[in-house]
Amino acid sequence: MPSLFKTLIAASALVALTGAASADETFIADFEFTPDAPVDVTYANFEKTAKKACRVESRMVGGIAARVQIEKLCREHLMTDAVAATKMDALIAYHEGRTLPETKLELASRN
């Protein structure tokens, strides 16, 4: 049986980037998932939901560059909150693996 939960996100990223939103603006995104579904399928569905929920109009935020940045920050915050709300260790680990910056390893050669 699918689980349904709502994630409430404060639009503070929008405020910081555009100054157009007020600090108390929020929205609710509905995420539906089946706990026994493959993690990558659940994650892809969450990404689609976050992308849809975070869409903004370029003209409302000062252009395409601002829109791209605002939507990216929104998706990142929404995905982190939604994944954490599932309390599914495998999904949380999958998300962390996809969002943590890559560590670059430099090898010193001995000559």
N, C-alpha and C. Protein backbone atom coordinates (compact mmCIF):
# COMPACT_ATOMS: atom_id res chain seq x y z
N MET A 1 0.85 -1.18 0.00
CA MET A 1 0.00 0.00 0.00
C MET A 1 0.89 1.24 0.00
N PRO A 2 0.64 2.15 -0.89
CA PRO A 2 1.47 3.35 -0.96
C PRO A 2 1.31 4.23 0.27
N SER A 3 2.40 4.86 0.64
CA SER A 3 2.37 5.82 1.73
C SER A 3 2.31 7.21 1.13
N LEU A 4 1.62 8.11 1.80
CA LEU A 4 1.50 9.48 1.33
C LEU A 4 1.90 10.39 2.47
N PHE A 5 2.74 11.34 2.19
CA PHE A 5 3.06 12.33 3.20
C PHE A 5 3.24 13.67 2.53
N LYS A 6 3.11 14.70 3.32
CA LYS A 6 3.26 16.06 2.81
C LYS A 6 4.51 16.66 3.43
N THR A 7 5.22 17.43 2.66
CA THR A 7 6.40 18.10 3.15
C THR A 7 6.19 19.60 3.02
N LEU A 8 6.36 20.28 4.13
CA LEU A 8 6.19 21.73 4.17
C LEU A 8 7.57 22.37 4.07
N ILE A 9 7.71 23.28 3.13
CA ILE A 9 9.00 23.93 2.90
C ILE A 9 8.84 25.43 3.02
N ALA A 10 9.66 26.03 3.85
CA ALA A 10 9.67 27.49 3.92
C ALA A 10 10.41 28.01 2.70
N ALA A 11 9.92 29.06 2.14
CA ALA A 11 10.51 29.58 0.91
C ALA A 11 11.63 30.57 1.20
N SER A 12 12.45 30.27 2.18
CA SER A 12 13.53 31.18 2.56
C SER A 12 14.56 31.31 1.44
N ALA A 13 14.76 30.27 0.65
CA ALA A 13 15.70 30.36 -0.46
C ALA A 13 15.22 31.39 -1.47
N LEU A 14 13.93 31.44 -1.69
CA LEU A 14 13.38 32.44 -2.60
C LEU A 14 13.60 33.84 -2.06
N VAL A 15 13.43 34.00 -0.77
CA VAL A 15 13.62 35.31 -0.15
C VAL A 15 15.07 35.75 -0.31
N ALA A 16 15.99 34.86 -0.03
CA ALA A 16 17.40 35.20 -0.09
C ALA A 16 17.84 35.58 -1.50
N LEU A 17 17.29 34.90 -2.48
CA LEU A 17 17.75 35.14 -3.85
C LEU A 17 17.03 36.28 -4.55
N THR A 18 15.76 36.49 -4.24
CA THR A 18 15.01 37.46 -5.01
C THR A 18 14.53 38.66 -4.22
N GLY A 19 14.35 38.49 -2.93
CA GLY A 19 13.79 39.55 -2.13
C GLY A 19 12.32 39.78 -2.42
N ALA A 20 11.75 38.99 -3.32
CA ALA A 20 10.37 39.19 -3.75
C ALA A 20 9.37 38.47 -2.86
N ALA A 21 9.80 37.42 -2.22
CA ALA A 21 8.89 36.64 -1.39
C ALA A 21 8.95 37.13 0.04
N SER A 22 7.90 36.94 0.76
CA SER A 22 7.93 37.30 2.18
C SER A 22 8.40 36.10 2.98
N ALA A 23 8.91 36.34 4.16
CA ALA A 23 9.52 35.28 4.96
C ALA A 23 8.54 34.20 5.38
N ASP A 24 7.26 34.47 5.37
CA ASP A 24 6.30 33.48 5.84
C ASP A 24 5.69 32.67 4.70
N GLU A 25 6.20 32.78 3.49
CA GLU A 25 5.66 32.01 2.38
C GLU A 25 6.08 30.55 2.50
N THR A 26 5.13 29.66 2.32
CA THR A 26 5.40 28.23 2.37
C THR A 26 4.59 27.53 1.29
N PHE A 27 4.92 26.29 1.04
CA PHE A 27 4.10 25.47 0.17
C PHE A 27 4.16 24.04 0.66
N ILE A 28 3.22 23.25 0.22
CA ILE A 28 3.16 21.85 0.61
C ILE A 28 3.28 21.00 -0.64
N ALA A 29 4.14 20.01 -0.60
CA ALA A 29 4.31 19.07 -1.71
C ALA A 29 3.91 17.68 -1.22
N ASP A 30 3.13 16.98 -2.00
CA ASP A 30 2.70 15.62 -1.66
C ASP A 30 3.64 14.61 -2.31
N PHE A 31 4.18 13.71 -1.51
CA PHE A 31 5.05 12.65 -2.00
C PHE A 31 4.37 11.32 -1.69
N GLU A 32 4.26 10.48 -2.69
CA GLU A 32 3.67 9.17 -2.51
C GLU A 32 4.71 8.12 -2.86
N PHE A 33 4.80 7.09 -2.03
CA PHE A 33 5.77 6.04 -2.31
C PHE A 33 5.30 4.73 -1.71
N THR A 34 5.86 3.65 -2.23
CA THR A 34 5.61 2.32 -1.70
C THR A 34 6.90 1.88 -1.02
N PRO A 35 6.86 1.62 0.29
CA PRO A 35 8.08 1.29 1.02
C PRO A 35 8.89 0.12 0.45
N ASP A 36 8.23 -0.83 -0.22
CA ASP A 36 8.98 -1.97 -0.75
C ASP A 36 9.40 -1.78 -2.21
N ALA A 37 9.18 -0.61 -2.77
CA ALA A 37 9.62 -0.31 -4.14
C ALA A 37 11.14 -0.13 -4.15
N PRO A 38 11.78 -0.37 -5.29
CA PRO A 38 13.23 -0.15 -5.37
C PRO A 38 13.57 1.31 -5.03
N VAL A 39 14.68 1.49 -4.34
CA VAL A 39 15.09 2.81 -3.88
C VAL A 39 15.27 3.78 -5.05
N ASP A 40 15.89 3.32 -6.14
CA ASP A 40 16.12 4.22 -7.27
C ASP A 40 14.81 4.67 -7.92
N VAL A 41 13.80 3.82 -7.91
CA VAL A 41 12.50 4.18 -8.47
C VAL A 41 11.82 5.21 -7.57
N THR A 42 11.85 4.97 -6.27
CA THR A 42 11.27 5.91 -5.32
C THR A 42 11.96 7.26 -5.43
N TYR A 43 13.27 7.25 -5.52
CA TYR A 43 14.04 8.50 -5.60
C TYR A 43 13.70 9.26 -6.87
N ALA A 44 13.60 8.56 -7.99
CA ALA A 44 13.26 9.21 -9.26
C ALA A 44 11.87 9.84 -9.18
N ASN A 45 10.94 9.15 -8.55
CA ASN A 45 9.59 9.72 -8.38
C ASN A 45 9.62 10.95 -7.49
N PHE A 46 10.43 10.93 -6.44
CA PHE A 46 10.58 12.09 -5.57
C PHE A 46 11.16 13.26 -6.35
N GLU A 47 12.16 12.99 -7.20
CA GLU A 47 12.76 14.05 -8.00
C GLU A 47 11.73 14.71 -8.92
N LYS A 48 10.88 13.90 -9.52
CA LYS A 48 9.83 14.44 -10.40
C LYS A 48 8.87 15.33 -9.60
N THR A 49 8.49 14.87 -8.42
CA THR A 49 7.58 15.65 -7.57
C THR A 49 8.23 16.96 -7.17
N ALA A 50 9.50 16.91 -6.76
CA ALA A 50 10.22 18.12 -6.34
C ALA A 50 10.37 19.10 -7.50
N LYS A 51 10.68 18.58 -8.68
CA LYS A 51 10.85 19.44 -9.85
C LYS A 51 9.54 20.17 -10.16
N LYS A 52 8.45 19.44 -10.10
CA LYS A 52 7.14 20.04 -10.38
C LYS A 52 6.77 21.07 -9.31
N ALA A 53 7.02 20.74 -8.05
CA ALA A 53 6.66 21.63 -6.94
C ALA A 53 7.48 22.91 -6.93
N CYS A 54 8.70 22.86 -7.45
CA CYS A 54 9.61 24.00 -7.36
C CYS A 54 9.62 24.90 -8.58
N ARG A 55 8.76 24.66 -9.53
CA ARG A 55 8.73 25.51 -10.73
C ARG A 55 8.31 26.93 -10.38
N VAL A 56 9.02 27.88 -10.97
CA VAL A 56 8.66 29.30 -10.83
C VAL A 56 8.73 29.95 -12.21
N GLU A 57 8.06 31.05 -12.36
CA GLU A 57 8.06 31.79 -13.62
C GLU A 57 9.28 32.72 -13.66
N SER A 58 10.01 32.71 -14.76
CA SER A 58 11.20 33.56 -14.91
C SER A 58 10.87 35.02 -14.68
N ARG A 59 9.76 35.47 -15.20
CA ARG A 59 9.40 36.89 -15.09
C ARG A 59 9.08 37.29 -13.65
N MET A 60 8.73 36.31 -12.82
CA MET A 60 8.39 36.61 -11.43
C MET A 60 9.63 36.73 -10.54
N VAL A 61 10.75 36.21 -11.00
CA VAL A 61 11.95 36.19 -10.17
C VAL A 61 13.13 36.92 -10.78
N GLY A 62 12.93 37.63 -11.85
CA GLY A 62 14.00 38.45 -12.41
C GLY A 62 14.80 37.81 -13.51
N GLY A 63 14.28 36.79 -14.16
CA GLY A 63 14.97 36.23 -15.31
C GLY A 63 15.29 34.76 -15.17
N ILE A 64 15.85 34.24 -16.26
CA ILE A 64 16.12 32.80 -16.34
C ILE A 64 17.20 32.37 -15.36
N ALA A 65 18.28 33.13 -15.24
CA ALA A 65 19.37 32.73 -14.34
C ALA A 65 18.88 32.63 -12.90
N ALA A 66 18.09 33.59 -12.46
CA ALA A 66 17.54 33.55 -11.10
C ALA A 66 16.59 32.37 -10.95
N ARG A 67 15.78 32.12 -11.96
CA ARG A 67 14.82 31.01 -11.90
C ARG A 67 15.55 29.68 -11.74
N VAL A 68 16.60 29.48 -12.53
CA VAL A 68 17.36 28.23 -12.48
C VAL A 68 17.95 28.02 -11.08
N GLN A 69 18.52 29.06 -10.52
CA GLN A 69 19.13 28.95 -9.20
C GLN A 69 18.08 28.72 -8.12
N ILE A 70 16.98 29.42 -8.18
CA ILE A 70 15.91 29.27 -7.20
C ILE A 70 15.32 27.87 -7.26
N GLU A 71 15.05 27.38 -8.46
CA GLU A 71 14.48 26.04 -8.60
C GLU A 71 15.44 24.98 -8.10
N LYS A 72 16.73 25.15 -8.37
CA LYS A 72 17.74 24.18 -7.92
C LYS A 72 17.79 24.12 -6.40
N LEU A 73 17.85 25.28 -5.75
CA LEU A 73 17.88 25.31 -4.28
C LEU A 73 16.60 24.72 -3.69
N CYS A 74 15.48 25.06 -4.28
CA CYS A 74 14.20 24.54 -3.82
C CYS A 74 14.19 23.01 -3.91
N ARG A 75 14.60 22.46 -5.06
CA ARG A 75 14.62 21.00 -5.23
C ARG A 75 15.54 20.34 -4.23
N GLU A 76 16.70 20.93 -4.00
CA GLU A 76 17.65 20.35 -3.04
C GLU A 76 17.05 20.28 -1.64
N HIS A 77 16.46 21.39 -1.20
CA HIS A 77 15.86 21.42 0.14
C HIS A 77 14.67 20.48 0.23
N LEU A 78 13.84 20.49 -0.78
CA LEU A 78 12.65 19.65 -0.77
C LEU A 78 13.01 18.17 -0.78
N MET A 79 13.98 17.78 -1.59
CA MET A 79 14.41 16.38 -1.63
C MET A 79 14.99 15.94 -0.29
N THR A 80 15.81 16.78 0.31
CA THR A 80 16.40 16.43 1.60
C THR A 80 15.32 16.23 2.66
N ASP A 81 14.36 17.14 2.70
CA ASP A 81 13.27 17.03 3.68
C ASP A 81 12.37 15.83 3.41
N ALA A 82 12.04 15.60 2.15
CA ALA A 82 11.14 14.50 1.79
C ALA A 82 11.79 13.15 2.07
N VAL A 83 13.04 13.00 1.70
CA VAL A 83 13.74 11.74 1.93
C VAL A 83 13.85 11.48 3.43
N ALA A 84 14.21 12.49 4.20
CA ALA A 84 14.32 12.32 5.66
C ALA A 84 12.98 11.94 6.27
N ALA A 85 11.90 12.49 5.75
CA ALA A 85 10.57 12.22 6.31
C ALA A 85 10.15 10.76 6.13
N THR A 86 10.73 10.06 5.16
CA THR A 86 10.37 8.65 4.95
C THR A 86 10.93 7.76 6.06
N LYS A 87 12.02 8.19 6.68
CA LYS A 87 12.72 7.41 7.71
C LYS A 87 13.19 6.06 7.18
N MET A 88 13.41 6.00 5.87
CA MET A 88 13.91 4.78 5.23
C MET A 88 15.42 4.89 5.08
N ASP A 89 16.15 4.08 5.83
CA ASP A 89 17.61 4.17 5.84
C ASP A 89 18.22 4.03 4.44
N ALA A 90 17.70 3.10 3.64
CA ALA A 90 18.26 2.89 2.30
C ALA A 90 18.05 4.11 1.41
N LEU A 91 16.89 4.74 1.50
CA LEU A 91 16.61 5.92 0.69
C LEU A 91 17.45 7.11 1.15
N ILE A 92 17.61 7.25 2.45
CA ILE A 92 18.43 8.33 3.00
C ILE A 92 19.89 8.17 2.55
N ALA A 93 20.40 6.95 2.61
CA ALA A 93 21.78 6.69 2.18
C ALA A 93 21.93 6.95 0.68
N TYR A 94 20.95 6.55 -0.10
CA TYR A 94 20.97 6.79 -1.55
C TYR A 94 21.02 8.28 -1.84
N HIS A 95 20.19 9.04 -1.13
CA HIS A 95 20.16 10.49 -1.32
C HIS A 95 21.49 11.12 -0.94
N GLU A 96 22.03 10.71 0.19
CA GLU A 96 23.32 11.26 0.62
C GLU A 96 24.42 10.94 -0.38
N GLY A 97 24.38 9.75 -0.94
CA GLY A 97 25.37 9.36 -1.94
C GLY A 97 25.28 10.19 -3.21
N ARG A 98 24.09 10.65 -3.52
CA ARG A 98 23.89 11.46 -4.73
C ARG A 98 24.13 12.94 -4.50
N THR A 99 24.07 13.40 -3.26
CA THR A 99 24.17 14.83 -3.01
C THR A 99 25.47 15.27 -2.38
N LEU A 100 26.21 14.38 -1.77
CA LEU A 100 27.48 14.78 -1.16
C LEU A 100 28.48 15.10 -2.26
N PRO A 101 29.26 16.15 -2.05
CA PRO A 101 30.26 16.49 -3.08
C PRO A 101 31.28 15.37 -3.21
N GLU A 102 31.72 15.17 -4.43
CA GLU A 102 32.73 14.15 -4.65
C GLU A 102 34.04 14.56 -3.99
N THR A 103 34.67 13.61 -3.36
CA THR A 103 35.97 13.86 -2.76
C THR A 103 37.02 13.50 -3.79
N LYS A 104 37.87 14.44 -4.06
CA LYS A 104 38.93 14.19 -5.04
C LYS A 104 40.18 13.75 -4.30
N LEU A 105 40.69 12.65 -4.74
CA LEU A 105 41.86 12.08 -4.11
C LEU A 105 43.08 12.38 -4.96
N GLU A 106 44.05 13.01 -4.35
CA GLU A 106 45.29 13.29 -5.06
C GLU A 106 46.34 12.32 -4.57
N LEU A 107 46.95 11.66 -5.49
CA LEU A 107 47.98 10.69 -5.14
C LEU A 107 49.35 11.29 -5.41
N ALA A 108 50.19 11.17 -4.42
CA ALA A 108 51.56 11.66 -4.59
C ALA A 108 52.41 10.50 -5.09
N SER A 109 53.24 10.79 -6.05
CA SER A 109 54.12 9.73 -6.56
C SER A 109 55.49 9.87 -5.90
N ARG A 110 56.06 8.74 -5.66
CA ARG A 110 57.41 8.74 -5.09
C ARG A 110 58.39 8.49 -6.22
N ASN A 111 59.20 9.45 -6.46
CA ASN A 111 60.21 9.31 -7.52
C ASN A 111 61.56 9.13 -6.95
